[in-house]
C-alpha cells in the first residue's frame, strides 16, 4: 500500500522532470540561429524562465516533502 509521502515523492519527481524538460526545450529554442523573431528581446527570455523555475521548484519541493 502506498503512503501519501510516496505519492508526493512520485509527483514531485514528475513535476521536476517536466520542468527540466521545459528548460532544455527553451535552451534549444533560444540557441537556434533562425529562432522566431519574438525570442530576440531579453525580457522574453526572463519572462519564460519564471514558470520553468517555478515548475522545477515546486517539483523539488514536493520531492523533498515526500522524502521527509
N, C-alpha and C. Protein backbone atom coordinates (compact mmCIF):
# COMPACT_ATOMS: atom_id res chain seq x y z
N UNK A 1 0.84 -1.18 0.00
CA UNK A 1 0.00 0.00 0.00
C UNK A 1 0.89 1.24 0.00
N UNK A 2 0.59 2.17 -0.86
CA UNK A 2 1.39 3.39 -0.94
C UNK A 2 0.91 4.39 0.10
N UNK A 3 1.84 5.17 0.58
CA UNK A 3 1.50 6.21 1.54
C UNK A 3 1.48 7.55 0.83
N UNK A 4 1.02 8.56 1.55
CA UNK A 4 0.95 9.90 0.98
C UNK A 4 2.34 10.44 0.65
N UNK A 5 3.34 10.11 1.48
CA UNK A 5 4.70 10.56 1.22
C UNK A 5 5.24 9.99 -0.08
N UNK A 6 4.94 8.73 -0.35
CA UNK A 6 5.40 8.13 -1.60
C UNK A 6 4.72 8.77 -2.80
N UNK A 7 3.48 9.16 -2.65
CA UNK A 7 2.78 9.85 -3.74
C UNK A 7 3.40 11.22 -4.00
N UNK A 8 3.75 11.95 -2.92
CA UNK A 8 4.40 13.24 -3.10
C UNK A 8 5.77 13.07 -3.75
N UNK A 9 6.47 12.03 -3.40
CA UNK A 9 7.77 11.76 -3.99
C UNK A 9 7.65 11.51 -5.49
N UNK A 10 6.67 10.71 -5.88
CA UNK A 10 6.47 10.42 -7.30
C UNK A 10 5.99 11.66 -8.05
N UNK A 11 5.04 12.38 -7.46
CA UNK A 11 4.51 13.58 -8.11
C UNK A 11 5.59 14.65 -8.26
N UNK A 12 6.38 14.84 -7.20
CA UNK A 12 7.45 15.83 -7.26
C UNK A 12 8.50 15.48 -8.30
N UNK A 13 8.82 14.21 -8.41
CA UNK A 13 9.81 13.79 -9.41
C UNK A 13 9.29 14.04 -10.83
N UNK A 14 8.01 13.77 -11.05
CA UNK A 14 7.43 14.03 -12.38
C UNK A 14 7.40 15.51 -12.70
N UNK A 15 7.00 16.34 -11.73
CA UNK A 15 6.94 17.79 -11.97
C UNK A 15 8.34 18.35 -12.22
N UNK A 16 9.31 17.93 -11.42
CA UNK A 16 10.68 18.41 -11.63
C UNK A 16 11.21 17.95 -12.99
N UNK A 17 10.89 16.73 -13.40
CA UNK A 17 11.32 16.23 -14.71
C UNK A 17 10.72 17.04 -15.85
N UNK A 18 9.45 17.40 -15.71
CA UNK A 18 8.81 18.24 -16.73
C UNK A 18 9.46 19.61 -16.78
N UNK A 19 9.80 20.16 -15.61
CA UNK A 19 10.48 21.46 -15.58
C UNK A 19 11.85 21.42 -16.23
N UNK A 20 12.59 20.35 -15.99
CA UNK A 20 13.91 20.21 -16.61
C UNK A 20 13.77 20.04 -18.13
N UNK A 21 12.76 19.29 -18.55
CA UNK A 21 12.50 19.13 -19.99
C UNK A 21 12.15 20.48 -20.62
N UNK A 22 11.31 21.28 -19.94
CA UNK A 22 10.96 22.61 -20.46
C UNK A 22 12.19 23.51 -20.55
N UNK A 23 13.09 23.43 -19.57
CA UNK A 23 14.32 24.23 -19.61
C UNK A 23 15.18 23.83 -20.80
N UNK A 24 15.29 22.55 -21.07
CA UNK A 24 16.07 22.10 -22.21
C UNK A 24 15.47 22.54 -23.54
N UNK A 25 14.15 22.46 -23.65
CA UNK A 25 13.50 22.89 -24.89
C UNK A 25 13.63 24.39 -25.10
N UNK A 26 13.53 25.16 -24.02
CA UNK A 26 13.73 26.61 -24.14
C UNK A 26 15.16 26.94 -24.55
N UNK A 27 16.12 26.20 -24.01
CA UNK A 27 17.52 26.43 -24.39
C UNK A 27 17.73 26.14 -25.88
N UNK A 28 17.10 25.09 -26.37
CA UNK A 28 17.22 24.79 -27.80
C UNK A 28 16.54 25.86 -28.65
N UNK A 29 15.41 26.38 -28.17
CA UNK A 29 14.70 27.41 -28.92
C UNK A 29 15.53 28.68 -29.03
N UNK A 30 16.11 29.13 -27.92
CA UNK A 30 16.88 30.38 -27.94
C UNK A 30 18.24 30.21 -28.60
N UNK A 31 18.75 29.01 -28.69
CA UNK A 31 20.05 28.78 -29.31
C UNK A 31 19.95 28.67 -30.83
N UNK A 32 18.79 28.32 -31.31
CA UNK A 32 18.60 28.11 -32.74
C UNK A 32 18.87 29.41 -33.51
N UNK A 33 19.69 29.36 -34.58
CA UNK A 33 20.04 30.58 -35.30
C UNK A 33 18.85 31.26 -35.98
N UNK A 34 17.90 30.49 -36.46
CA UNK A 34 16.72 31.09 -37.10
C UNK A 34 15.50 30.98 -36.19
N UNK A 35 15.71 31.36 -34.93
CA UNK A 35 14.62 31.33 -33.95
C UNK A 35 13.56 32.36 -34.31
N UNK A 36 12.34 32.18 -33.84
CA UNK A 36 11.31 33.18 -34.13
C UNK A 36 11.70 34.57 -33.67
N UNK A 37 11.15 35.55 -34.32
CA UNK A 37 11.53 36.94 -34.05
C UNK A 37 11.18 37.38 -32.64
N UNK A 38 10.10 36.84 -32.07
CA UNK A 38 9.68 37.27 -30.74
C UNK A 38 10.61 36.80 -29.64
N UNK A 39 11.57 35.91 -29.97
CA UNK A 39 12.50 35.45 -28.95
C UNK A 39 13.74 36.33 -28.84
N UNK A 40 13.83 37.35 -29.64
CA UNK A 40 15.03 38.19 -29.62
C UNK A 40 15.18 39.02 -28.34
N UNK A 41 14.14 39.69 -27.84
CA UNK A 41 14.34 40.54 -26.65
C UNK A 41 14.68 39.71 -25.40
N UNK A 42 15.53 40.29 -24.56
CA UNK A 42 15.94 39.59 -23.34
C UNK A 42 14.79 39.45 -22.36
N UNK A 43 13.82 40.37 -22.39
CA UNK A 43 12.70 40.32 -21.46
C UNK A 43 11.87 39.06 -21.71
N UNK A 44 11.79 38.61 -22.96
CA UNK A 44 11.04 37.39 -23.27
C UNK A 44 11.71 36.19 -22.61
N UNK A 45 13.03 36.14 -22.68
CA UNK A 45 13.75 35.03 -22.06
C UNK A 45 13.55 35.04 -20.55
N UNK A 46 13.58 36.22 -19.95
CA UNK A 46 13.41 36.30 -18.49
C UNK A 46 11.99 35.91 -18.10
N UNK A 47 10.99 36.34 -18.86
CA UNK A 47 9.61 36.00 -18.53
C UNK A 47 9.31 34.52 -18.73
N UNK A 48 9.96 33.90 -19.70
CA UNK A 48 9.75 32.47 -19.92
C UNK A 48 10.47 31.62 -18.87
N UNK A 49 11.53 32.15 -18.29
CA UNK A 49 12.26 31.38 -17.28
C UNK A 49 11.53 31.32 -15.94
N UNK A 50 10.64 32.27 -15.67
CA UNK A 50 9.93 32.29 -14.39
C UNK A 50 9.06 31.04 -14.21
N UNK A 51 8.18 30.68 -15.17
CA UNK A 51 7.39 29.47 -14.95
C UNK A 51 8.22 28.19 -14.95
N UNK A 52 9.31 28.18 -15.70
CA UNK A 52 10.17 26.99 -15.71
C UNK A 52 10.82 26.82 -14.34
N UNK A 53 11.34 27.92 -13.78
CA UNK A 53 11.94 27.85 -12.46
C UNK A 53 10.92 27.48 -11.40
N UNK A 54 9.71 28.02 -11.51
CA UNK A 54 8.66 27.69 -10.55
C UNK A 54 8.28 26.21 -10.64
N UNK A 55 8.21 25.68 -11.84
CA UNK A 55 7.88 24.27 -12.01
C UNK A 55 8.94 23.37 -11.38
N UNK A 56 10.20 23.68 -11.63
CA UNK A 56 11.28 22.89 -11.03
C UNK A 56 11.26 23.04 -9.51
N UNK A 57 11.03 24.25 -9.03
CA UNK A 57 10.98 24.48 -7.58
C UNK A 57 9.86 23.72 -6.90
N UNK A 58 8.64 23.75 -7.48
CA UNK A 58 7.53 23.01 -6.92
C UNK A 58 7.80 21.50 -6.94
N UNK A 59 8.38 21.04 -8.04
CA UNK A 59 8.69 19.62 -8.14
C UNK A 59 9.70 19.17 -7.10
N UNK A 60 10.75 19.96 -6.93
CA UNK A 60 11.76 19.60 -5.93
C UNK A 60 11.21 19.75 -4.51
N UNK A 61 10.31 20.72 -4.32
CA UNK A 61 9.66 20.87 -3.02
C UNK A 61 8.81 19.67 -2.66
N UNK A 62 8.01 19.20 -3.61
CA UNK A 62 7.20 18.00 -3.39
C UNK A 62 8.08 16.79 -3.15
N UNK A 63 9.18 16.69 -3.89
CA UNK A 63 10.09 15.57 -3.71
C UNK A 63 10.72 15.59 -2.32
N UNK A 64 11.14 16.77 -1.88
CA UNK A 64 11.73 16.90 -0.54
C UNK A 64 10.70 16.56 0.53
N UNK A 65 9.47 17.02 0.33
CA UNK A 65 8.40 16.70 1.29
C UNK A 65 8.13 15.20 1.32
N UNK A 66 8.19 14.57 0.17
CA UNK A 66 7.98 13.13 0.12
C UNK A 66 9.10 12.35 0.77
N UNK A 67 10.33 12.87 0.72
CA UNK A 67 11.46 12.19 1.35
C UNK A 67 11.46 12.33 2.86
N UNK A 68 10.88 13.41 3.36
CA UNK A 68 10.90 13.63 4.82
C UNK A 68 9.84 12.86 5.56
